[in-house]
Protein backbone atom coordinates (compact mmCIF):
# COMPACT_ATOMS: atom_id res chain seq x y z
CA MET A 1 110.45 43.29 118.34
CA LYS A 2 110.67 43.47 114.57
CA TRP A 3 111.61 46.92 113.30
CA TYR A 4 111.25 46.43 109.55
CA ALA A 5 108.70 44.72 107.35
CA ASP A 6 109.49 41.80 105.05
CA ARG A 7 107.34 43.21 102.25
CA PRO A 8 109.46 45.38 99.92
CA ALA A 9 106.92 48.19 99.51
CA ARG A 10 106.35 48.64 103.23
CA LEU A 11 110.04 48.16 103.97
CA ALA A 12 110.88 50.95 101.51
CA ARG A 13 108.37 53.29 103.17
CA GLN A 14 109.80 52.52 106.61
CA VAL A 15 113.38 53.10 105.49
CA ILE A 16 112.41 56.39 103.84
CA ALA A 17 110.54 57.47 106.98
CA ASP A 18 113.50 56.58 109.20
CA LEU A 19 115.95 58.41 106.93
CA PHE A 20 113.63 61.41 106.94
CA ALA A 21 113.54 61.32 110.75
CA VAL A 22 117.35 61.20 110.96
CA GLY A 23 117.65 63.96 108.37
CA TRP A 24 115.03 66.04 110.22
CA VAL A 25 117.01 65.86 113.45
CA GLY A 26 120.29 66.50 111.63
CA LEU A 27 118.82 69.56 109.91
CA TRP A 28 117.68 71.10 113.19
CA VAL A 29 120.98 70.31 114.89
CA TRP A 30 122.70 72.19 112.06
CA VAL A 31 120.25 75.09 112.40
CA ALA A 32 120.72 75.11 116.18
CA LEU A 33 124.50 75.22 115.90
CA GLY A 34 124.29 78.04 113.37
CA ALA A 35 121.93 80.01 115.60
CA ARG A 36 124.18 79.42 118.60
CA ASP A 37 127.23 80.67 116.73
CA PHE A 38 125.33 83.76 115.57
CA VAL A 39 124.20 84.60 119.10
CA LEU A 40 127.70 83.99 120.46
CA SER A 41 129.02 86.51 117.96
CA LEU A 42 126.99 89.12 119.86
CA ARG A 43 129.30 88.74 122.85
CA ALA A 44 131.97 90.86 121.12
CA PRO A 45 130.86 94.12 122.85
CA GLY A 46 131.06 92.31 126.19
CA ASP A 47 134.56 91.11 125.39
CA ARG A 48 135.59 94.66 124.54
CA MET A 49 134.08 95.94 127.80
CA VAL A 50 136.01 93.34 129.79
CA SER A 51 139.21 94.23 127.97
CA ALA A 52 138.65 97.96 128.39
CA GLY A 53 137.75 97.54 132.06
CA ALA A 54 140.86 95.48 132.69
CA GLY A 55 142.96 98.11 130.91
CA ILE A 56 141.46 100.95 132.96
CA ARG A 57 141.92 99.01 136.19
CA ASP A 58 145.54 98.21 135.44
CA ALA A 59 146.28 101.80 134.39
CA PHE A 60 144.79 103.30 137.54
CA THR A 61 146.42 100.65 139.70
CA ASP A 62 149.82 101.50 138.29
CA ALA A 63 149.13 105.21 138.64
CA ALA A 64 148.01 104.81 142.24
CA SER A 65 151.11 102.78 143.03
CA LYS A 66 153.35 105.51 141.67
CA ALA A 67 151.30 108.26 143.32
CA ARG A 68 152.10 106.89 146.77
CA GLU A 69 155.69 107.85 146.15
CA VAL A 70 154.73 111.54 145.93
CA PRO A 71 155.64 113.33 149.18
CA VAL A 72 152.89 114.64 151.45
CA VAL A 73 149.92 114.15 149.11
CA GLY A 74 150.86 110.66 147.87
CA ASP A 75 148.34 108.74 149.93
CA ASP A 76 145.45 111.07 149.07
CA LEU A 77 146.35 110.96 145.40
CA ALA A 78 146.60 107.18 145.44
CA SER A 79 143.18 106.95 147.12
CA ALA A 80 141.65 109.16 144.43
CA LEU A 81 143.19 107.09 141.68
CA GLY A 82 141.88 103.97 143.39
CA ARG A 83 138.36 105.05 142.48
CA GLY A 84 139.41 104.70 138.84
CA THR A 85 140.48 101.16 139.58
CA SER A 86 136.97 100.43 140.91
CA ALA A 87 135.47 101.94 137.77
CA GLY A 88 137.57 99.61 135.65
CA ASP A 89 136.40 96.64 137.72
CA SER A 90 132.79 97.75 137.31
CA LEU A 91 133.17 98.04 133.55
CA ALA A 92 134.82 94.60 133.33
CA GLY A 93 132.05 93.13 135.52
CA ALA A 94 129.36 94.59 133.28
CA GLY A 95 131.10 93.08 130.27
CA SER A 96 131.30 89.69 131.98
CA ALA A 97 127.59 89.84 132.82
CA GLN A 98 126.74 90.64 129.21
CA ILE A 99 128.89 87.72 128.02
CA SER A 100 127.13 85.39 130.47
CA VAL A 101 123.71 86.47 129.19
CA VAL A 102 124.75 85.95 125.57
CA GLN A 103 126.21 82.51 126.33
CA ASP A 104 123.09 81.41 128.23
CA THR A 105 120.86 82.68 125.44
CA ALA A 106 122.92 80.84 122.82
CA LEU A 107 122.78 77.60 124.81
CA TRP A 108 119.05 77.59 125.47
CA LEU A 109 118.20 78.73 121.96
CA ALA A 110 120.19 75.78 120.58
CA VAL A 111 118.50 73.40 123.02
CA ALA A 112 115.05 74.67 122.07
CA LEU A 113 115.76 74.43 118.34
CA VAL A 114 116.74 70.77 118.75
CA ALA A 115 114.24 69.78 121.47
CA VAL A 116 111.09 70.94 119.66
CA PRO A 117 111.69 68.94 116.43
CA VAL A 118 112.80 65.89 118.44
CA LEU A 119 109.65 66.17 120.56
CA PHE A 120 107.62 66.32 117.34
CA LEU A 121 109.20 63.01 116.27
CA LEU A 122 108.60 61.47 119.68
CA ILE A 123 104.86 62.11 119.44
CA THR A 124 104.42 61.28 115.74
CA TRP A 125 107.01 59.03 114.11
CA LEU A 126 108.30 57.05 117.10
CA PRO A 127 104.92 55.75 118.38
CA LEU A 128 104.09 54.45 114.90
CA ARG A 129 107.45 52.68 114.62
CA LEU A 130 107.13 51.17 118.09
CA ARG A 131 103.58 50.06 117.38
CA PHE A 132 104.69 48.28 114.21
CA ALA A 133 107.73 46.72 115.92
CA LEU A 134 105.65 45.33 118.77
CA ARG A 135 102.83 44.05 116.59
CA ALA A 136 105.10 42.58 113.92
CA GLY A 137 107.37 41.02 116.54
CA ALA A 138 104.41 39.37 118.25
CA ALA A 139 103.06 38.14 114.91
CA VAL A 140 106.42 36.60 113.97
CA LYS A 141 106.33 34.55 117.16
CA LEU A 142 102.98 33.14 116.03
CA ARG A 143 104.12 32.13 112.54
CA ASP A 144 103.86 28.47 113.49
CA LYS A 145 100.40 28.98 115.01
CA PRO A 146 98.19 29.71 111.98
CA GLU A 147 94.97 29.16 113.94
CA LEU A 148 95.76 32.07 116.27
CA LEU A 149 96.82 34.25 113.36
CA ALA A 150 93.60 33.38 111.54
CA LEU A 151 91.56 34.26 114.61
CA ARG A 152 93.33 37.59 114.81
CA ALA A 153 92.66 38.13 111.12
CA LEU A 154 88.93 37.56 111.64
CA ALA A 155 88.97 40.27 114.31
CA THR A 156 91.11 42.85 112.52
CA LEU A 157 90.83 42.46 108.75
CA PRO A 158 88.45 44.85 106.98
CA THR A 159 84.99 43.48 106.21
CA ARG A 160 85.63 44.05 102.52
CA THR A 161 88.57 41.63 102.70
CA LEU A 162 86.60 38.99 104.59
CA THR A 163 83.83 39.07 102.00
CA GLN A 164 86.33 37.93 99.36
CA PHE A 165 86.30 34.42 100.84
CA ASP A 166 83.97 31.77 99.48
CA GLY A 167 81.50 31.19 102.27
CA ASP A 168 81.91 32.23 105.89
CA PRO A 169 85.61 32.36 106.91
CA ALA A 170 84.62 32.31 110.60
CA ALA A 171 82.69 29.08 110.10
CA ALA A 172 85.60 27.63 108.13
CA TRP A 173 87.94 28.56 110.99
CA ARG A 174 85.66 26.87 113.51
CA THR A 175 85.58 23.69 111.44
CA GLY A 176 89.38 23.74 111.01
CA ASP A 177 89.48 24.36 107.24
CA VAL A 178 93.25 24.31 106.66
CA ASP A 179 93.15 26.32 103.42
CA VAL A 180 91.04 29.12 104.88
CA ILE A 181 93.06 29.20 108.10
CA GLU A 182 96.30 29.44 106.14
CA ASP A 183 94.86 32.18 103.92
CA LEU A 184 93.66 34.17 106.94
CA ALA A 185 97.03 33.78 108.63
CA ARG A 186 98.83 35.01 105.53
CA ARG A 187 96.51 37.96 105.13
CA HIS A 188 96.98 39.02 108.75
CA LEU A 189 100.76 38.83 108.48
CA ALA A 190 100.64 40.66 105.15
CA SER A 191 98.70 43.49 106.81
CA LEU A 192 101.72 43.89 109.10
CA GLY A 193 104.23 43.63 106.27
CA VAL A 194 105.41 40.20 107.46
CA ARG A 195 105.76 37.15 105.24
CA ARG A 196 104.14 33.85 106.13
CA ASP A 197 107.08 31.46 105.87
CA GLY A 198 106.87 27.72 106.18
CA GLY A 199 103.31 27.29 104.92
CA HIS A 200 102.68 23.71 103.75
CA SER A 201 98.96 23.60 103.19
CA PRO A 202 97.60 22.84 99.69
CA GLY A 203 96.06 26.30 99.37
CA SER A 204 99.06 28.22 100.64
CA GLY A 205 100.35 29.21 97.22
CA GLY A 206 97.12 30.94 96.21
CA ALA A 207 96.81 32.58 99.61
CA SER A 208 100.27 34.06 99.31
CA GLY A 209 99.42 35.66 96.01
CA SER A 210 96.21 37.17 97.38
CA SER A 211 98.00 38.78 100.34
CA ALA A 212 100.96 40.36 98.57
């Protein structure tokens, strides 16, 4: 495959388009990271709930441990304080659940903000680049086969371009007119942004000027 044209004007357009594509992806990655960081900042209440829950649990656990040392009613008092320990665990669990939701939201929001622009490139920019690379690469392999390039030119060049030839270019191709064949080959390659190197026919100089 041939990814870039030989012709300066088309090469410049391709480079600009590729840089735009890279910049487009980079922009959305930056936006996605910013959005992720913003959403992650919303986990602060969950962090505080986990911290508060852990504090309550530890406080009631310590209190229950000391309550068992109280004569007669120690076990009952420790059991009552144990319910406070469960409340602390519940509060910490709720905070952890909130943190998990925030983290999942941040992740998938970032993925979506990157995936959608990349998908846009995959269905617009990339097919065009692949199409050029395949067509130009195939044409380069035929540089030393001007007859085939000329035949392709007869099938693909606009009618307006074909009418610029003196006489019938198809008839000239059938009779093996070297000048017309070389001109057609150059024009076809020029339409792909590829130069026709190695032309030795007498009319090749004029053909090159007409296809630039």
